[in-house]
PDB file of N, CA and C in Angstrom:
ATOM      1  N   UNK A   1      22.975 -11.912  -0.234  1.00  0.00           N
ATOM      2  CA  UNK A   1      22.557 -10.689   0.688  1.00  0.00           C
ATOM      3  C   UNK A   1      21.497 -11.242   1.331  1.00  0.00           C
ATOM      4  N   UNK A   2      21.303 -10.593   2.682  1.00  0.00           N
ATOM      5  CA  UNK A   2      20.400 -11.504   3.812  1.00  0.00           C
ATOM      6  C   UNK A   2      19.331 -10.366   3.661  1.00  0.00           C
ATOM      7  N   UNK A   3      17.957 -11.086   4.133  1.00  0.00           N
ATOM      8  CA  UNK A   3      16.456 -10.296   4.212  1.00  0.00           C
ATOM      9  C   UNK A   3      16.823  -9.121   4.614  1.00  0.00           C
ATOM     10  N   UNK A   4      17.475  -8.867   5.626  1.00  0.00           N
ATOM     11  CA  UNK A   4      17.341  -7.510   6.617  1.00  0.00           C
ATOM     12  C   UNK A   4      17.889  -6.711   5.458  1.00  0.00           C
ATOM     13  N   UNK A   5      18.732  -6.895   4.607  1.00  0.00           N
ATOM     14  CA  UNK A   5      19.892  -5.981   3.770  1.00  0.00           C
ATOM     15  C   UNK A   5      18.868  -5.761   2.906  1.00  0.00           C
ATOM     16  N   UNK A   6      18.087  -6.686   2.091  1.00  0.00           N
ATOM     17  CA  UNK A   6      17.114  -6.353   1.432  1.00  0.00           C
ATOM     18  C   UNK A   6      16.041  -5.539   2.006  1.00  0.00           C
ATOM     19  N   UNK A   7      15.591  -5.635   3.013  1.00  0.00           N
ATOM     20  CA  UNK A   7      14.370  -4.830   3.803  1.00  0.00           C
ATOM     21  C   UNK A   7      14.876  -3.433   3.595  1.00  0.00           C
ATOM     22  N   UNK A   8      16.150  -3.090   4.140  1.00  0.00           N
ATOM     23  CA  UNK A   8      16.428  -1.339   4.344  1.00  0.00           C
ATOM     24  C   UNK A   8      16.621  -0.962   3.237  1.00  0.00           C
ATOM     25  N   UNK A   9      16.884  -1.857   1.861  1.00  0.00           N
ATOM     26  CA  UNK A   9      17.295  -1.113   0.994  1.00  0.00           C
ATOM     27  C   UNK A   9      16.112  -0.850  -0.019  1.00  0.00           C
ATOM     28  N   UNK A  10      14.624  -1.714   0.332  1.00  0.00           N
ATOM     29  CA  UNK A  10      13.410  -1.301   0.175  1.00  0.00           C
ATOM     30  C   UNK A  10      12.567  -0.138   0.742  1.00  0.00           C
ATOM     31  N   UNK A  11      12.808   0.148   2.262  1.00  0.00           N
ATOM     32  CA  UNK A  11      12.447   0.928   2.756  1.00  0.00           C
ATOM     33  C   UNK A  11      13.221   2.063   2.328  1.00  0.00           C
ATOM     34  N   UNK A  12      14.442   2.079   2.633  1.00  0.00           N
ATOM     35  CA  UNK A  12      15.027   3.762   1.880  1.00  0.00           C
ATOM     36  C   UNK A  12      14.379   3.681   0.478  1.00  0.00           C
ATOM     37  N   UNK A  13      14.429   2.869  -0.763  1.00  0.00           N
ATOM     38  CA  UNK A  13      13.630   3.638  -1.707  1.00  0.00           C
ATOM     39  C   UNK A  13      12.175   4.129  -1.534  1.00  0.00           C
ATOM     40  N   UNK A  14      11.588   3.566  -0.356  1.00  0.00           N
ATOM     41  CA  UNK A  14      10.171   4.076  -0.265  1.00  0.00           C
ATOM     42  C   UNK A  14      10.484   5.627   0.057  1.00  0.00           C
ATOM     43  N   UNK A  15      11.189   5.673   0.854  1.00  0.00           N
ATOM     44  CA  UNK A  15      11.322   6.955   1.545  1.00  0.00           C
ATOM     45  C   UNK A  15      11.876   7.760   0.422  1.00  0.00           C
ATOM     46  N   UNK A  16      12.744   7.640  -0.599  1.00  0.00           N
ATOM     47  CA  UNK A  16      13.250   8.570  -1.234  1.00  0.00           C
ATOM     48  C   UNK A  16      12.109   8.400  -2.217  1.00  0.00           C
ATOM     49  N   UNK A  17      10.909   7.856  -2.465  1.00  0.00           N
ATOM     50  CA  UNK A  17      10.367   8.055  -3.635  1.00  0.00           C
ATOM     51  C   UNK A  17       9.327   9.066  -2.881  1.00  0.00           C
ATOM     52  N   UNK A  18       8.488   9.000  -1.214  1.00  0.00           N
ATOM     53  CA  UNK A  18       7.735   9.471  -0.838  1.00  0.00           C
ATOM     54  C   UNK A  18       8.619  10.907  -0.835  1.00  0.00           C
ATOM     55  N   UNK A  19       9.475  11.080  -0.647  1.00  0.00           N
ATOM     56  CA  UNK A  19      10.457  12.688  -0.407  1.00  0.00           C
ATOM     57  C   UNK A  19      10.192  13.403  -1.695  1.00  0.00           C
ATOM     58  N   UNK A  20      10.346  12.284  -2.541  1.00  0.00           N
ATOM     59  CA  UNK A  20      10.235  13.151  -4.164  1.00  0.00           C
ATOM     60  C   UNK A  20       9.070  13.605  -4.330  1.00  0.00           C
ATOM     61  N   UNK A  21       8.056  12.492  -4.072  1.00  0.00           N
ATOM     62  CA  UNK A  21       6.797  12.962  -4.421  1.00  0.00           C
ATOM     63  C   UNK A  21       6.098  14.364  -3.776  1.00  0.00           C
ATOM     64  N   UNK A  22       6.595  14.450  -2.427  1.00  0.00           N
ATOM     65  CA  UNK A  22       6.308  15.515  -1.663  1.00  0.00           C
ATOM     66  C   UNK A  22       6.529  16.761  -2.129  1.00  0.00           C
ATOM     67  N   UNK A  23       8.074  16.608  -2.916  1.00  0.00           N
ATOM     68  CA  UNK A  23       8.171  17.720  -3.570  1.00  0.00           C
ATOM     69  C   UNK A  23       7.668  18.366  -4.632  1.00  0.00           C
ATOM     70  N   UNK A  24       7.523  17.329  -5.541  1.00  0.00           N
ATOM     71  CA  UNK A  24       6.935  17.443  -6.374  1.00  0.00           C
ATOM     72  C   UNK A  24       5.548  17.982  -6.373  1.00  0.00           C
ATOM     73  N   UNK A  25       4.598  17.756  -5.303  1.00  0.00           N
ATOM     74  CA  UNK A  25       3.620  18.424  -4.995  1.00  0.00           C
ATOM     75  C   UNK A  25       3.633  19.832  -4.450  1.00  0.00           C
ATOM     76  N   UNK A  26       5.066  20.481  -3.699  1.00  0.00           N
ATOM     77  CA  UNK A  26       5.257  21.359  -3.236  1.00  0.00           C
ATOM     78  C   UNK A  26       4.735  21.384  -1.863  1.00  0.00           C
ATOM     79  N   UNK A  27       4.742  19.921  -1.493  1.00  0.00           N
ATOM     80  CA  UNK A  27       4.050  20.235   0.161  1.00  0.00           C
ATOM     81  C   UNK A  27       5.524  20.282   1.002  1.00  0.00           C
ATOM     82  N   UNK A  28       6.345  19.999   0.236  1.00  0.00           N
ATOM     83  CA  UNK A  28       8.002  20.297   1.385  1.00  0.00           C
ATOM     84  C   UNK A  28       9.230  20.639   0.487  1.00  0.00           C
ATOM     85  N   UNK A  29      10.106  21.354   0.682  1.00  0.00           N
ATOM     86  CA  UNK A  29      10.657  22.251  -0.323  1.00  0.00           C
ATOM     87  C   UNK A  29      12.229  21.815   0.408  1.00  0.00           C
ATOM     88  N   UNK A  30      13.113  21.217  -0.167  1.00  0.00           N
ATOM     89  CA  UNK A  30      14.554  20.945   0.371  1.00  0.00           C
ATOM     90  C   UNK A  30      15.261  21.376  -0.922  1.00  0.00           C
ATOM     91  N   UNK A  31      15.613  22.984  -0.731  1.00  0.00           N
ATOM     92  CA  UNK A  31      16.582  23.685  -1.656  1.00  0.00           C
ATOM     93  C   UNK A  31      17.608  22.952  -2.609  1.00  0.00           C
ATOM     94  N   UNK A  32      18.392  22.275  -1.120  1.00  0.00           N
ATOM     95  CA  UNK A  32      19.486  21.835  -2.005  1.00  0.00           C
ATOM     96  C   UNK A  32      19.332  20.624  -2.816  1.00  0.00           C
ATOM     97  N   UNK A  33      18.246  20.144  -2.563  1.00  0.00           N
ATOM     98  CA  UNK A  33      18.282  19.086  -3.567  1.00  0.00           C
ATOM     99  C   UNK A  33      17.152  19.263  -4.450  1.00  0.00           C
ATOM    100  N   UNK A  34      16.084  20.268  -4.765  1.00  0.00           N
ATOM    101  CA  UNK A  34      14.871  20.383  -5.415  1.00  0.00           C
ATOM    102  C   UNK A  34      15.106  19.740  -6.716  1.00  0.00           C
ATOM    103  N   UNK A  35      16.456  20.214  -7.206  1.00  0.00           N
ATOM    104  CA  UNK A  35      16.817  20.206  -8.732  1.00  0.00           C
ATOM    105  C   UNK A  35      17.137  18.432  -8.672  1.00  0.00           C
ATOM    106  N   UNK A  36      17.546  17.857  -8.202  1.00  0.00           N
ATOM    107  CA  UNK A  36      17.836  16.255  -8.161  1.00  0.00           C
ATOM    108  C   UNK A  36      16.394  15.482  -8.108  1.00  0.00           C
ATOM    109  N   UNK A  37      15.408  15.794  -8.193  1.00  0.00           N
ATOM    110  CA  UNK A  37      13.978  14.766  -7.823  1.00  0.00           C
ATOM    111  C   UNK A  37      13.938  13.982  -9.045  1.00  0.00           C
ATOM    112  N   UNK A  38      14.391  13.950 -10.497  1.00  0.00           N
ATOM    113  CA  UNK A  38      14.593  13.230 -11.135  1.00  0.00           C
ATOM    114  C   UNK A  38      15.344  11.874 -10.812  1.00  0.00           C
ATOM    115  N   UNK A  39      16.540  11.986 -10.174  1.00  0.00           N
ATOM    116  CA  UNK A  39      17.793  11.168  -9.758  1.00  0.00           C
ATOM    117  C   UNK A  39      17.588  10.947  -8.456  1.00  0.00           C
ATOM    118  N   UNK A  40      16.592  11.593  -7.840  1.00  0.00           N
ATOM    119  CA  UNK A  40      16.651  10.527  -6.467  1.00  0.00           C
ATOM    120  C   UNK A  40      15.390   9.463  -7.156  1.00  0.00           C
ATOM    121  N   UNK A  41      14.375   9.640  -8.006  1.00  0.00           N
ATOM    122  CA  UNK A  41      14.010   8.722  -7.955  1.00  0.00           C
ATOM    123  C   UNK A  41      14.588   7.585  -9.035  1.00  0.00           C
ATOM    124  N   UNK A  42      15.239   7.619  -9.569  1.00  0.00           N
ATOM    125  CA  UNK A  42      16.375   7.032 -10.395  1.00  0.00           C
ATOM    126  C   UNK A  42      17.046   5.947  -9.656  1.00  0.00           C
ATOM    127  N   UNK A  43      17.805   7.058  -8.721  1.00  0.00           N
ATOM    128  CA  UNK A  43      18.391   5.829  -7.229  1.00  0.00           C
ATOM    129  C   UNK A  43      17.492   4.877  -6.634  1.00  0.00           C
ATOM    130  N   UNK A  44      16.433   5.549  -6.168  1.00  0.00           N
ATOM    131  CA  UNK A  44      15.475   4.647  -5.644  1.00  0.00           C
ATOM    132  C   UNK A  44      15.061   3.428  -6.771  1.00  0.00           C
ATOM    133  N   UNK A  45      14.828   3.350  -7.866  1.00  0.00           N
ATOM    134  CA  UNK A  45      14.277   2.713  -8.629  1.00  0.00           C
ATOM    135  C   UNK A  45      15.310   1.291  -8.901  1.00  0.00           C
ATOM    136  N   UNK A  46      16.746   2.127  -8.468  1.00  0.00           N
ATOM    137  CA  UNK A  46      17.925   1.398  -8.613  1.00  0.00           C
ATOM    138  C   UNK A  46      18.067   0.559  -7.060  1.00  0.00           C
ATOM    139  N   UNK A  47      17.938   1.066  -6.076  1.00  0.00           N
ATOM    140  CA  UNK A  47      17.804   0.335  -4.997  1.00  0.00           C
ATOM    141  C   UNK A  47      16.560  -0.662  -5.168  1.00  0.00           C
ATOM    142  N   UNK A  48      15.872  -0.323  -5.588  1.00  0.00           N
ATOM    143  CA  UNK A  48      14.305  -1.818  -5.840  1.00  0.00           C
ATOM    144  C   UNK A  48      15.498  -2.822  -6.956  1.00  0.00           C
ATOM    145  N   UNK A  49      15.817  -2.651  -7.339  1.00  0.00           N
ATOM    146  CA  UNK A  49      16.490  -3.576  -8.264  1.00  0.00           C
ATOM    147  C   UNK A  49      17.440  -4.304  -7.733  1.00  0.00           C
ATOM    148  N   UNK A  50      18.246  -3.737  -7.373  1.00  0.00           N
ATOM    149  CA  UNK A  50      19.702  -4.183  -6.136  1.00  0.00           C
ATOM    150  C   UNK A  50      18.627  -5.098  -5.398  1.00  0.00           C
ATOM    151  N   UNK A  51      17.532  -4.906  -4.415  1.00  0.00           N
ATOM    152  CA  UNK A  51      16.891  -5.379  -3.663  1.00  0.00           C
ATOM    153  C   UNK A  51      16.239  -6.674  -4.034  1.00  0.00           C
ATOM    154  N   UNK A  52      16.071  -6.753  -5.358  1.00  0.00           N
ATOM    155  CA  UNK A  52      15.048  -7.937  -5.731  1.00  0.00           C
ATOM    156  C   UNK A  52      16.005  -9.096  -6.017  1.00  0.00           C
ATOM    157  N   UNK A  53      15.221 -10.077  -6.078  1.00  0.00           N
ATOM    158  CA  UNK A  53      16.314 -11.241  -6.147  1.00  0.00           C
ATOM    159  C   UNK A  53      15.933 -11.626  -7.828  1.00  0.00           C
TER     160      UNK A  53
END
């Protein structure tokens, strides 16, 4: 896996975690995914595991 791909996966994971945190603190509300906050964080953690060496 190239470094560019790893960086893209890490940035995607960070964006997912930030969205989850903002939804947790009720700063943004996305009704379609509000029930999946936990799973979004799990997917972000998985992306970080995949991106690590």
